[in-house]
Amino acid sequence: MSIGQAKIMGIINLNEDSFYAPSRAASADAFRRRADALLEAGADILDLGPVSSRPGATLVDAEEEWARLEPVAETAARHYPGVTFSIDTFRASVVVMAYQVMGRFWVNDISSGEWDEAMLPVAGRLGLRYIAMHHQGDFATMHRTYVYDDVVESVKQYFRDFSVRAREAGVTDWVLDPGFGFSKSNEDNQTLFDRLDELKSFRRPLLVGVSRKRFIWQPHGLTPDTCGDIVREYEERAAAMGADIIRTHL
C-alpha cells in the first residue's frame, strides 16, 4: 500500500482508551501483532501512543504512561531494529527513558513543547526528529472549538513562533503537523485542509493526520468505523498537495 509519494505513519495506541479500537495494542504481544500488520501493509514509521488524546480522555501521570510504553519499547528495540518509530508524548521524562531503551526515534508532541518546558531542550540535546502540532489550550481544553479570523494564517503564525522556540532549544530537525481535529471546528479543519499547500512555505516536512477524524465522517453521516473510503480520498489528496507523511490507522 502507498499514498502517493508520502511516507506512511501507522498508528499503534498502547492503551484501551483511544477512539478507534483496531488501533489499540495494550500489551507487548498485541503490539507485535499490530506492528507486523502495519509493516506488511506498507507503513514506513510506527507511531506509539501510550496516552489517548481523544476528546474527553483522562490524562494519566508519567509513571502510568511509562508503564504502558516500557515493555513495548523493549520489544521494539529487540525485534524491530531497522524500523523507524515515533513516540506520541509531551513529557520530556518519557523521551529520556525511551531513548535509554530504544536509541533514536521521532518525538510526536501534540503540545509542541508547551506543556513541559524541558521537552524542546531534551529533543535538541538528543538530536531527535521532532513533530510539532498546532493546537490551543491544554490537555483538557484542546478539543474546544476556538474562533479564528483566518485559521490558516493563525496556524502559520503559530509555526513562525514555534520555529523561534525550536531554534533557541537546538531543535533543528522538525516536522510540521497542522493539528487536524484539535482546537478547530469542522469548517476550520476543512478550510485548513483545502489550503494545505500554503504550509509548504515553511520548507519543513509536512505531516497530515486526518484518519477517522470527525470533520470527515460527521458531515457525511458516517462513523469512525465506516469512513474508511472517504478518509483514503482525503489522504490521497493530501499527498497530492505535498504532504510528506500521512499518519493513518490503515
C-alpha atoms as a PDB file:
ATOM      1  CA  MET A   1       0.000   0.000   0.000  1.00  0.00           C
ATOM      2  CA  SER A   2       1.182   3.534  -0.755  1.00  0.00           C
ATOM      3  CA  ILE A   3      -0.303   7.025  -0.611  1.00  0.00           C
ATOM      4  CA  GLY A   4       1.297   8.967  -3.426  1.00  0.00           C
ATOM      5  CA  GLN A   5       4.899   9.808  -2.617  1.00  0.00           C
ATOM      6  CA  ALA A   6       4.189  10.307   1.086  1.00  0.00           C
ATOM      7  CA  LYS A   7       5.629   8.144   3.838  1.00  0.00           C
ATOM      8  CA  ILE A   8       3.029   6.241   5.860  1.00  0.00           C
ATOM      9  CA  MET A   9       2.994   6.539   9.651  1.00  0.00           C
ATOM     10  CA  GLY A  10       0.930   3.706  11.129  1.00  0.00           C
ATOM     11  CA  ILE A  11      -0.801   4.333  14.462  1.00  0.00           C
ATOM     12  CA  ILE A  12      -0.392   1.955  17.410  1.00  0.00           C
ATOM     13  CA  ASN A  13      -2.241   3.078  20.546  1.00  0.00           C
ATOM     14  CA  LEU A  14      -0.796   1.453  23.668  1.00  0.00           C
ATOM     15  CA  ASN A  15      -3.934   1.976  25.714  1.00  0.00           C
ATOM     16  CA  GLU A  16      -7.566   0.855  25.891  1.00  0.00           C
ATOM     17  CA  ASP A  17      -8.997   4.363  25.551  1.00  0.00           C
ATOM     18  CA  SER A  18      -8.196   5.569  22.030  1.00  0.00           C
ATOM     19  CA  PHE A  19     -11.299   6.195  19.954  1.00  0.00           C
ATOM     20  CA  TYR A  20     -10.564   3.680  17.172  1.00  0.00           C
ATOM     21  CA  ALA A  21     -10.477   0.186  18.666  1.00  0.00           C
ATOM     22  CA  PRO A  22      -8.498  -1.607  15.891  1.00  0.00           C
ATOM     23  CA  SER A  23      -5.514   0.666  16.583  1.00  0.00           C
ATOM     24  CA  ARG A  24      -5.242  -0.396  20.217  1.00  0.00           C
ATOM     25  CA  ALA A  25      -2.441  -2.681  21.399  1.00  0.00           C
ATOM     26  CA  ALA A  26      -2.253  -2.600  25.167  1.00  0.00           C
ATOM     27  CA  SER A  27       0.320  -5.405  25.617  1.00  0.00           C
ATOM     28  CA  ALA A  28       3.681  -6.314  24.108  1.00  0.00           C
ATOM     29  CA  ASP A  29       2.145  -9.256  22.254  1.00  0.00           C
ATOM     30  CA  ALA A  30      -0.681  -7.112  20.868  1.00  0.00           C
ATOM     31  CA  PHE A  31       1.902  -4.534  19.854  1.00  0.00           C
ATOM     32  CA  ARG A  32       3.814  -7.130  17.815  1.00  0.00           C
ATOM     33  CA  ARG A  33       0.651  -8.247  16.027  1.00  0.00           C
ATOM     34  CA  ARG A  34      -0.312  -4.661  15.229  1.00  0.00           C
ATOM     35  CA  ALA A  35       3.235  -3.691  14.198  1.00  0.00           C
ATOM     36  CA  ASP A  36       3.589  -6.695  11.893  1.00  0.00           C
ATOM     37  CA  ALA A  37       0.227  -5.953  10.254  1.00  0.00           C
ATOM     38  CA  LEU A  38       1.095  -2.286   9.685  1.00  0.00           C
ATOM     39  CA  LEU A  39       4.533  -3.070   8.265  1.00  0.00           C
ATOM     40  CA  GLU A  40       3.050  -5.689   5.971  1.00  0.00           C
ATOM     41  CA  ALA A  41       0.507  -3.089   4.798  1.00  0.00           C
ATOM     42  CA  GLY A  42       3.328  -0.723   3.862  1.00  0.00           C
ATOM     43  CA  ALA A  43       3.897   1.504   6.889  1.00  0.00           C
ATOM     44  CA  ASP A  44       7.253   3.304   6.927  1.00  0.00           C
ATOM     45  CA  ILE A  45       7.015   4.630  10.503  1.00  0.00           C
ATOM     46  CA  LEU A  46       5.224   3.231  13.562  1.00  0.00           C
ATOM     47  CA  ASP A  47       3.742   5.780  15.962  1.00  0.00           C
ATOM     48  CA  LEU A  48       3.402   4.600  19.576  1.00  0.00           C
ATOM     49  CA  GLY A  49       0.727   6.310  21.677  1.00  0.00           C
ATOM     50  CA  PRO A  50       0.668   5.329  25.354  1.00  0.00           C
ATOM     51  CA  VAL A  51      -1.846   8.092  26.248  1.00  0.00           C
ATOM     52  CA  SER A  52      -5.137   8.683  24.454  1.00  0.00           C
ATOM     53  CA  SER A  53      -5.741  12.254  23.273  1.00  0.00           C
ATOM     54  CA  ARG A  54      -9.336  11.730  22.128  1.00  0.00           C
ATOM     55  CA  PRO A  55     -11.947  14.272  23.275  1.00  0.00           C
ATOM     56  CA  GLY A  56     -12.809  13.587  26.905  1.00  0.00           C
ATOM     57  CA  ALA A  57      -9.827  11.318  27.526  1.00  0.00           C
ATOM     58  CA  THR A  58      -8.395  11.080  31.047  1.00  0.00           C
ATOM     59  CA  LEU A  59      -4.798  12.194  31.376  1.00  0.00           C
ATOM     60  CA  VAL A  60      -2.651   9.612  33.162  1.00  0.00           C
ATOM     61  CA  ASP A  61       0.516  10.505  35.036  1.00  0.00           C
ATOM     62  CA  ALA A  62       4.047   9.981  33.765  1.00  0.00           C
ATOM     63  CA  GLU A  63       4.507   6.770  35.739  1.00  0.00           C
ATOM     64  CA  GLU A  64       1.484   5.148  34.110  1.00  0.00           C
ATOM     65  CA  GLU A  65       2.493   6.438  30.683  1.00  0.00           C
ATOM     66  CA  TRP A  66       5.932   4.852  31.023  1.00  0.00           C
ATOM     67  CA  ALA A  67       4.463   1.622  32.424  1.00  0.00           C
ATOM     68  CA  ARG A  68       2.491   1.277  29.194  1.00  0.00           C
ATOM     69  CA  LEU A  69       5.406   2.213  26.950  1.00  0.00           C
ATOM     70  CA  GLU A  70       8.339   0.436  28.599  1.00  0.00           C
ATOM     71  CA  PRO A  71       7.554  -3.188  27.605  1.00  0.00           C
ATOM     72  CA  VAL A  72       6.757  -2.089  24.063  1.00  0.00           C
ATOM     73  CA  ALA A  73       9.946  -0.025  23.837  1.00  0.00           C
ATOM     74  CA  GLU A  74      11.946  -3.072  24.930  1.00  0.00           C
ATOM     75  CA  THR A  75      10.152  -5.264  22.390  1.00  0.00           C
ATOM     76  CA  ALA A  76      10.677  -2.692  19.651  1.00  0.00           C
ATOM     77  CA  ALA A  77      14.399  -2.466  20.384  1.00  0.00           C
ATOM     78  CA  ARG A  78      14.760  -6.248  20.405  1.00  0.00           C
ATOM     79  CA  HIS A  79      12.574  -7.285  17.471  1.00  0.00           C
ATOM     80  CA  TYR A  80      12.388  -4.243  15.141  1.00  0.00           C
ATOM     81  CA  PRO A  81      15.921  -2.819  14.968  1.00  0.00           C
ATOM     82  CA  GLY A  82      15.548  -1.395  11.462  1.00  0.00           C
ATOM     83  CA  VAL A  83      12.121   0.185  11.891  1.00  0.00           C
ATOM     84  CA  THR A  84      11.563   3.913  12.421  1.00  0.00           C
ATOM     85  CA  PHE A  85       9.408   4.632  15.475  1.00  0.00           C
ATOM     86  CA  SER A  86       7.814   7.791  16.767  1.00  0.00           C
ATOM     87  CA  ILE A  87       6.521   8.215  20.311  1.00  0.00           C
ATOM     88  CA  ASP A  88       3.427  10.300  20.935  1.00  0.00           C
ATOM     89  CA  THR A  89       4.239  12.080  24.201  1.00  0.00           C
ATOM     90  CA  PHE A  90       4.524  15.599  25.572  1.00  0.00           C
ATOM     91  CA  ARG A  91       6.721  14.586  28.525  1.00  0.00           C
ATOM     92  CA  ALA A  92      10.497  15.019  28.397  1.00  0.00           C
ATOM     93  CA  SER A  93      10.981  12.368  31.088  1.00  0.00           C
ATOM     94  CA  VAL A  94       9.289   9.762  28.884  1.00  0.00           C
ATOM     95  CA  VAL A  95      11.505  10.749  25.963  1.00  0.00           C
ATOM     96  CA  VAL A  96      14.644  10.309  28.076  1.00  0.00           C
ATOM     97  CA  MET A  97      13.592   6.877  29.391  1.00  0.00           C
ATOM     98  CA  ALA A  98      12.544   5.685  25.933  1.00  0.00           C
ATOM     99  CA  TYR A  99      15.850   6.877  24.458  1.00  0.00           C
ATOM    100  CA  GLN A 100      17.752   4.823  27.022  1.00  0.00           C
ATOM    101  CA  VAL A 101      15.876   1.713  25.857  1.00  0.00           C
ATOM    102  CA  MET A 102      15.368   2.304  22.135  1.00  0.00           C
ATOM    103  CA  GLY A 103      18.003   4.735  20.999  1.00  0.00           C
ATOM    104  CA  ARG A 104      16.849   7.151  18.322  1.00  0.00           C
ATOM    105  CA  PHE A 105      13.189   7.739  17.474  1.00  0.00           C
ATOM    106  CA  TRP A 106      10.943  10.630  16.494  1.00  0.00           C
ATOM    107  CA  VAL A 107       9.158  12.677  19.152  1.00  0.00           C
ATOM    108  CA  ASN A 108       5.491  13.286  18.271  1.00  0.00           C
ATOM    109  CA  ASP A 109       4.419  16.054  20.659  1.00  0.00           C
ATOM    110  CA  ILE A 110       0.827  17.319  20.445  1.00  0.00           C
ATOM    111  CA  SER A 111       1.788  20.221  22.726  1.00  0.00           C
ATOM    112  CA  SER A 112       4.734  21.456  20.635  1.00  0.00           C
ATOM    113  CA  GLY A 113       6.772  21.750  23.804  1.00  0.00           C
ATOM    114  CA  GLU A 114       4.244  23.944  25.612  1.00  0.00           C
ATOM    115  CA  TRP A 115       3.244  21.538  28.410  1.00  0.00           C
ATOM    116  CA  ASP A 116       6.721  20.552  29.537  1.00  0.00           C
ATOM    117  CA  GLU A 117       9.420  23.204  29.409  1.00  0.00           C
ATOM    118  CA  ALA A 118      12.116  20.529  29.298  1.00  0.00           C
ATOM    119  CA  MET A 119      10.779  18.879  26.121  1.00  0.00           C
ATOM    120  CA  LEU A 120      12.385  21.024  23.431  1.00  0.00           C
ATOM    121  CA  PRO A 121      15.801  21.207  25.157  1.00  0.00           C
ATOM    122  CA  VAL A 122      15.782  17.417  25.619  1.00  0.00           C
ATOM    123  CA  ALA A 123      14.848  16.779  21.989  1.00  0.00           C
ATOM    124  CA  GLY A 124      17.539  19.222  20.912  1.00  0.00           C
ATOM    125  CA  ARG A 125      20.199  17.688  23.143  1.00  0.00           C
ATOM    126  CA  LEU A 126      19.424  14.159  21.965  1.00  0.00           C
ATOM    127  CA  GLY A 127      19.216  15.231  18.325  1.00  0.00           C
ATOM    128  CA  LEU A 128      15.785  13.675  17.792  1.00  0.00           C
ATOM    129  CA  ARG A 129      13.438  14.473  14.924  1.00  0.00           C
ATOM    130  CA  TYR A 130      10.542  16.391  16.440  1.00  0.00           C
ATOM    131  CA  ILE A 131       6.928  16.662  15.275  1.00  0.00           C
ATOM    132  CA  ALA A 132       5.245  19.899  16.372  1.00  0.00           C
ATOM    133  CA  MET A 133       1.444  20.072  16.197  1.00  0.00           C
ATOM    134  CA  HIS A 134      -0.823  23.109  16.125  1.00  0.00           C
ATOM    135  CA  HIS A 135      -3.320  23.261  18.982  1.00  0.00           C
ATOM    136  CA  GLN A 136      -4.664  25.683  21.537  1.00  0.00           C
ATOM    137  CA  GLY A 137      -5.206  25.212  25.252  1.00  0.00           C
ATOM    138  CA  ASP A 138      -4.111  22.360  27.485  1.00  0.00           C
ATOM    139  CA  PHE A 139      -4.949  18.656  27.575  1.00  0.00           C
ATOM    140  CA  ALA A 140      -8.429  19.338  28.942  1.00  0.00           C
ATOM    141  CA  THR A 141      -9.306  22.233  26.612  1.00  0.00           C
ATOM    142  CA  MET A 142      -7.513  21.480  23.341  1.00  0.00           C
ATOM    143  CA  HIS A 143     -10.635  19.934  21.784  1.00  0.00           C
ATOM    144  CA  ARG A 144     -12.778  23.019  22.282  1.00  0.00           C
ATOM    145  CA  THR A 145     -13.747  24.985  19.192  1.00  0.00           C
ATOM    146  CA  TYR A 146     -11.678  28.155  19.064  1.00  0.00           C
ATOM    147  CA  VAL A 147     -12.500  31.200  16.933  1.00  0.00           C
ATOM    148  CA  TYR A 148     -10.147  32.267  14.133  1.00  0.00           C
ATOM    149  CA  ASP A 149     -10.274  35.250  11.811  1.00  0.00           C
ATOM    150  CA  ASP A 150      -8.372  33.063   9.344  1.00  0.00           C
ATOM    151  CA  VAL A 151      -7.481  29.591  10.566  1.00  0.00           C
ATOM    152  CA  VAL A 152      -4.680  29.133   8.033  1.00  0.00           C
ATOM    153  CA  GLU A 153      -2.991  32.407   8.941  1.00  0.00           C
ATOM    154  CA  SER A 154      -3.322  31.534  12.639  1.00  0.00           C
ATOM    155  CA  VAL A 155      -1.659  28.167  12.056  1.00  0.00           C
ATOM    156  CA  LYS A 156       1.117  29.810  10.058  1.00  0.00           C
ATOM    157  CA  GLN A 157       1.772  32.345  12.826  1.00  0.00           C
ATOM    158  CA  TYR A 158       1.839  29.526  15.360  1.00  0.00           C
ATOM    159  CA  PHE A 159       4.644  27.810  13.473  1.00  0.00           C
ATOM    160  CA  ARG A 160       6.534  31.054  12.933  1.00  0.00           C
ATOM    161  CA  ASP A 161       6.581  31.385  16.713  1.00  0.00           C
ATOM    162  CA  PHE A 162       7.437  27.712  17.180  1.00  0.00           C
ATOM    163  CA  SER A 163      10.372  27.943  14.797  1.00  0.00           C
ATOM    164  CA  VAL A 164      11.930  30.554  17.092  1.00  0.00           C
ATOM    165  CA  ARG A 165      11.445  28.386  20.188  1.00  0.00           C
ATOM    166  CA  ALA A 166      12.819  25.355  18.381  1.00  0.00           C
ATOM    167  CA  ARG A 167      15.927  27.187  17.219  1.00  0.00           C
ATOM    168  CA  GLU A 168      16.599  28.519  20.718  1.00  0.00           C
ATOM    169  CA  ALA A 169      16.328  24.970  22.118  1.00  0.00           C
ATOM    170  CA  GLY A 170      18.603  23.443  19.493  1.00  0.00           C
ATOM    171  CA  VAL A 171      15.844  21.558  17.668  1.00  0.00           C
ATOM    172  CA  THR A 172      16.873  21.733  14.030  1.00  0.00           C
ATOM    173  CA  ASP A 173      15.014  18.758  12.522  1.00  0.00           C
ATOM    174  CA  TRP A 174      11.303  19.317  12.991  1.00  0.00           C
ATOM    175  CA  VAL A 175       8.123  18.320  11.183  1.00  0.00           C
ATOM    176  CA  LEU A 176       5.001  20.480  10.853  1.00  0.00           C
ATOM    177  CA  ASP A 177       1.647  18.938  11.831  1.00  0.00           C
ATOM    178  CA  PRO A 178      -1.361  21.287  11.261  1.00  0.00           C
ATOM    179  CA  GLY A 179      -3.307  19.523  14.018  1.00  0.00           C
ATOM    180  CA  PHE A 180      -6.446  18.403  12.229  1.00  0.00           C
ATOM    181  CA  GLY A 181      -9.176  17.730  14.794  1.00  0.00           C
ATOM    182  CA  PHE A 182      -7.544  19.814  17.528  1.00  0.00           C
ATOM    183  CA  SER A 183      -8.900  23.237  18.585  1.00  0.00           C
ATOM    184  CA  LYS A 184     -10.837  23.675  15.344  1.00  0.00           C
ATOM    185  CA  SER A 185     -14.413  23.383  14.109  1.00  0.00           C
ATOM    186  CA  ASN A 186     -15.321  21.013  11.290  1.00  0.00           C
ATOM    187  CA  GLU A 187     -15.389  24.031   8.977  1.00  0.00           C
ATOM    188  CA  ASP A 188     -11.953  25.225  10.157  1.00  0.00           C
ATOM    189  CA  ASN A 189     -10.492  21.762   9.614  1.00  0.00           C
ATOM    190  CA  GLN A 190     -11.887  21.646   6.082  1.00  0.00           C
ATOM    191  CA  THR A 191     -10.593  25.125   5.268  1.00  0.00           C
ATOM    192  CA  LEU A 192      -7.162  24.220   6.576  1.00  0.00           C
ATOM    193  CA  PHE A 193      -7.169  21.025   4.556  1.00  0.00           C
ATOM    194  CA  ASP A 194      -8.222  22.799   1.350  1.00  0.00           C
ATOM    195  CA  ARG A 195      -5.339  25.277   1.762  1.00  0.00           C
ATOM    196  CA  LEU A 196      -2.807  22.709   2.929  1.00  0.00           C
ATOM    197  CA  ASP A 197      -0.298  23.616   0.253  1.00  0.00           C
ATOM    198  CA  GLU A 198       0.179  27.051   1.863  1.00  0.00           C
ATOM    199  CA  LEU A 199       2.016  25.390   4.739  1.00  0.00           C
ATOM    200  CA  LYS A 200       4.741  24.194   2.393  1.00  0.00           C
ATOM    201  CA  SER A 201       6.153  27.711   2.604  1.00  0.00           C
ATOM    202  CA  PHE A 202       7.885  26.678   5.852  1.00  0.00           C
ATOM    203  CA  ARG A 203      10.038  24.242   3.886  1.00  0.00           C
ATOM    204  CA  ARG A 204       9.587  21.635   6.590  1.00  0.00           C
ATOM    205  CA  PRO A 205       8.306  18.082   6.195  1.00  0.00           C
ATOM    206  CA  LEU A 206       4.517  18.232   6.414  1.00  0.00           C
ATOM    207  CA  LEU A 207       2.630  15.576   8.393  1.00  0.00           C
ATOM    208  CA  VAL A 208      -1.110  15.136   7.856  1.00  0.00           C
ATOM    209  CA  GLY A 209      -3.255  13.117  10.262  1.00  0.00           C
ATOM    210  CA  VAL A 210      -6.892  13.065   9.131  1.00  0.00           C
ATOM    211  CA  SER A 211      -7.558   9.366   9.667  1.00  0.00           C
ATOM    212  CA  ARG A 212     -11.029   8.750  11.154  1.00  0.00           C
ATOM    213  CA  LYS A 213     -11.324  12.431  12.186  1.00  0.00           C
ATOM    214  CA  ARG A 214     -14.750  13.880  12.948  1.00  0.00           C
ATOM    215  CA  PHE A 215     -14.639  16.645  10.345  1.00  0.00           C
ATOM    216  CA  ILE A 216     -14.510  13.949   7.653  1.00  0.00           C
ATOM    217  CA  TRP A 217     -17.104  11.451   8.843  1.00  0.00           C
ATOM    218  CA  GLN A 218     -19.641  13.629  10.677  1.00  0.00           C
ATOM    219  CA  PRO A 219     -20.819  15.794   7.731  1.00  0.00           C
ATOM    220  CA  HIS A 220     -21.439  12.618   5.726  1.00  0.00           C
ATOM    221  CA  GLY A 221     -23.445  10.856   8.435  1.00  0.00           C
ATOM    222  CA  LEU A 222     -20.726   8.239   8.915  1.00  0.00           C
ATOM    223  CA  THR A 223     -18.788   6.981  11.945  1.00  0.00           C
ATOM    224  CA  PRO A 224     -15.082   6.389  12.639  1.00  0.00           C
ATOM    225  CA  ASP A 225     -15.667   2.748  11.707  1.00  0.00           C
ATOM    226  CA  THR A 226     -17.465   3.402   8.390  1.00  0.00           C
ATOM    227  CA  CYS A 227     -15.497   6.300   6.909  1.00  0.00           C
ATOM    228  CA  GLY A 228     -12.533   4.360   5.517  1.00  0.00           C
ATOM    229  CA  ASP A 229     -13.168   5.095   1.836  1.00  0.00           C
ATOM    230  CA  ILE A 230     -13.567   8.840   2.245  1.00  0.00           C
ATOM    231  CA  VAL A 231     -10.572   9.002   4.589  1.00  0.00           C
ATOM    232  CA  ARG A 232      -8.468   7.384   1.884  1.00  0.00           C
ATOM    233  CA  GLU A 233      -9.638  10.026  -0.587  1.00  0.00           C
ATOM    234  CA  TYR A 234      -8.539  12.772   1.816  1.00  0.00           C
ATOM    235  CA  GLU A 235      -5.174  11.114   2.399  1.00  0.00           C
ATOM    236  CA  GLU A 236      -4.525  10.748  -1.309  1.00  0.00           C
ATOM    237  CA  ARG A 237      -5.450  14.378  -1.863  1.00  0.00           C
ATOM    238  CA  ALA A 238      -3.158  15.458   0.987  1.00  0.00           C
ATOM    239  CA  ALA A 239      -0.259  13.600  -0.608  1.00  0.00           C
ATOM    240  CA  ALA A 240      -1.030  15.256  -3.933  1.00  0.00           C
ATOM    241  CA  MET A 241      -0.910  18.677  -2.210  1.00  0.00           C
ATOM    242  CA  GLY A 242       2.540  17.997  -0.820  1.00  0.00           C
ATOM    243  CA  ALA A 243       2.132  16.090   2.445  1.00  0.00           C
ATOM    244  CA  ASP A 244       5.353  14.233   3.183  1.00  0.00           C
ATOM    245  CA  ILE A 245       3.957  11.946   5.902  1.00  0.00           C
ATOM    246  CA  ILE A 246       0.437  10.558   6.293  1.00  0.00           C
ATOM    247  CA  ARG A 247      -0.393   9.472   9.842  1.00  0.00           C
ATOM    248  CA  THR A 248      -3.087   6.838   9.494  1.00  0.00           C
ATOM    249  CA  HIS A 249      -4.814   3.875  11.114  1.00  0.00           C
ATOM    250  CA  LEU A 250      -4.621   1.924   7.799  1.00  0.00           C
END
